[in-house]
Amino acid sequence: MLKLTLCLPLLALACSKQPPPHSNFDEAPLIVIGVDGMTLPVLEPLIRAGKVPHLASLIEKGVGGKLFTDVPTYSPRLWTSIATGVLAEDHGVPNFSEEDEQGNMLRNGLPFTSNCRKVPAVWNIAADNRRDVDSVAWWVSWPAEEIDNGRIVASYAAQVQAAILWKPLLWDEGIPLLTYPNSLQNDINPLLDEGKPKGPLVKEYNKRFGTISPEWKVPFQRDILFRGTFHADRTHQKIFNNLQNIGRSADLRMLYLGLPDVAGHFFWRYREPEAFQYPVPTEMSDKIGGHIDKAYMQVDEWIGEVVANAPKNARFLIISDHGMGPANVTNPSHPQSGAHEEGPPGIFILAGPGVKQQGLLGLGKRKVGYIYDIAPFMLDLLSLAPGSYMEGKTLRYLMTDEWIANHPPLAGIDYRQGFREATTPLVPGEGLDAVFIDNLNQLGYVDDE
């Protein structure tokens, strides 16, 4: 397997230019927050209990419902479809890492990276059409792409980002091409430093989730990995908010958070022990059975900070790639007790200027659309034409009659024309592909067989 590791000449190429802002868009900015694995069966009771006030407020002011997904529910596959509006076979990121002809991950396959993508993402399209763009931690966004009028803080591996960002011996040199423009690295370094595993975020985590005794071996090990996700998410959320205050406010701002997904995978047996066909220790259920709800509450708090820091006329789109429920109910040793193999729907929340106020849609009426509809809808909200090749359709029916009248539909454009060729996966540093696969194994995302 040919392994392409980045080097300094390529790094120098990425910082060769930094175009000045030149947006000609004067309407409501769009803030998109992707929350992996957030599911309405968990969220709705928290809304009723008043425990997620910021998400509840957005739904009350706009609309909330279900976003239907596709299978298999691999995170890189789905989030890339959300960003491109096309099927996995068309965008070129079908899994976490390279596959064989049967669709199984190769034992020594490299993780997919942004250069493997065969079609432009919404950030490419928006930036090419005079829209300012910020994107932070989206799946398969490393290496950070050079886009006019945009700022990218890339993610090599999203839910295992902590194991890579703060890997010992890597910190001094850092991950190349983590940001575009390269100078943005200097702005985010202090926040990356705060996010280190033994940094100040430890107190934040402990305040929300508490600590677990090493005597509980399995929960203790899961807590270590869950802490890493918390540190990565919180760091990216702080970076996202900080970008709002640096230079200019972007027309399209995108942030990925993975905490609810990891919480669901790890802690469902403790949240709902009656769903499992083996005994779950009561003391463990009492201690960590609330971790999933707390993860939702934590994300709600972070979203509240984003809302408070955003322009007053901002439009918000909160989505998840899939839902989740109890899984592996007969296997107490499986690392995942929550999963989503059957493709349960995710959540959809939209609020802001021009959004028809409907609140949480009633039972039987909650299907808003599909993951493939998100990219064309984002483009529509930015007054840009959809991709003529996109699988999904815009969700403009959620907008007011006045907005629709003032924004007539635009004919589709083939944005693939002139887009760079897809190439084989890159590796940001020696051995980091192995770190990626090892951590996915620990998280239970892939089999170790």
Foldseek 3Di string as FASTA:
>chain_A
DDAFADDDVVLVVLQPDAADAQAPFDAFFEEEEAEAAAACVLVVVCLVVVLLVQLQVLLQQFNKFWAFFDPPLAQLQLLQLLFALAHCVQQQQHHQFDDDPVRHHDPPTFGAAQLQTLFDGLVQVQLVVRFAEEEFARRRCPLPDAGHNYKYQYADFQLQRLCVQQPPPQVVVGFRSRMPPPVCCVVLVVLSVQLHPPHPCVVVCCVLQNADDCVVVLVNVLVSSLSSLVSRQVSRLVSQLVVCVPDHHTRYYYHYHYNLVLCQFAAQCLLCVVQAPDDDDVVSSVRGNCVNVSSSSVVSVSVVVVCVSDPPQHKYKYKYNAHKDAPPRHDPPQRTRMDQSVGHTIMIGIHGPQFDRDRYDDPPPRHQYYSSQNSQQSCQVSLHAAAPPRPHHHSCVRGDPVVCVVRPHDDHDNSSVPDDGRDGHHDRDPPVSVVSVVVCCNSNVDPPD
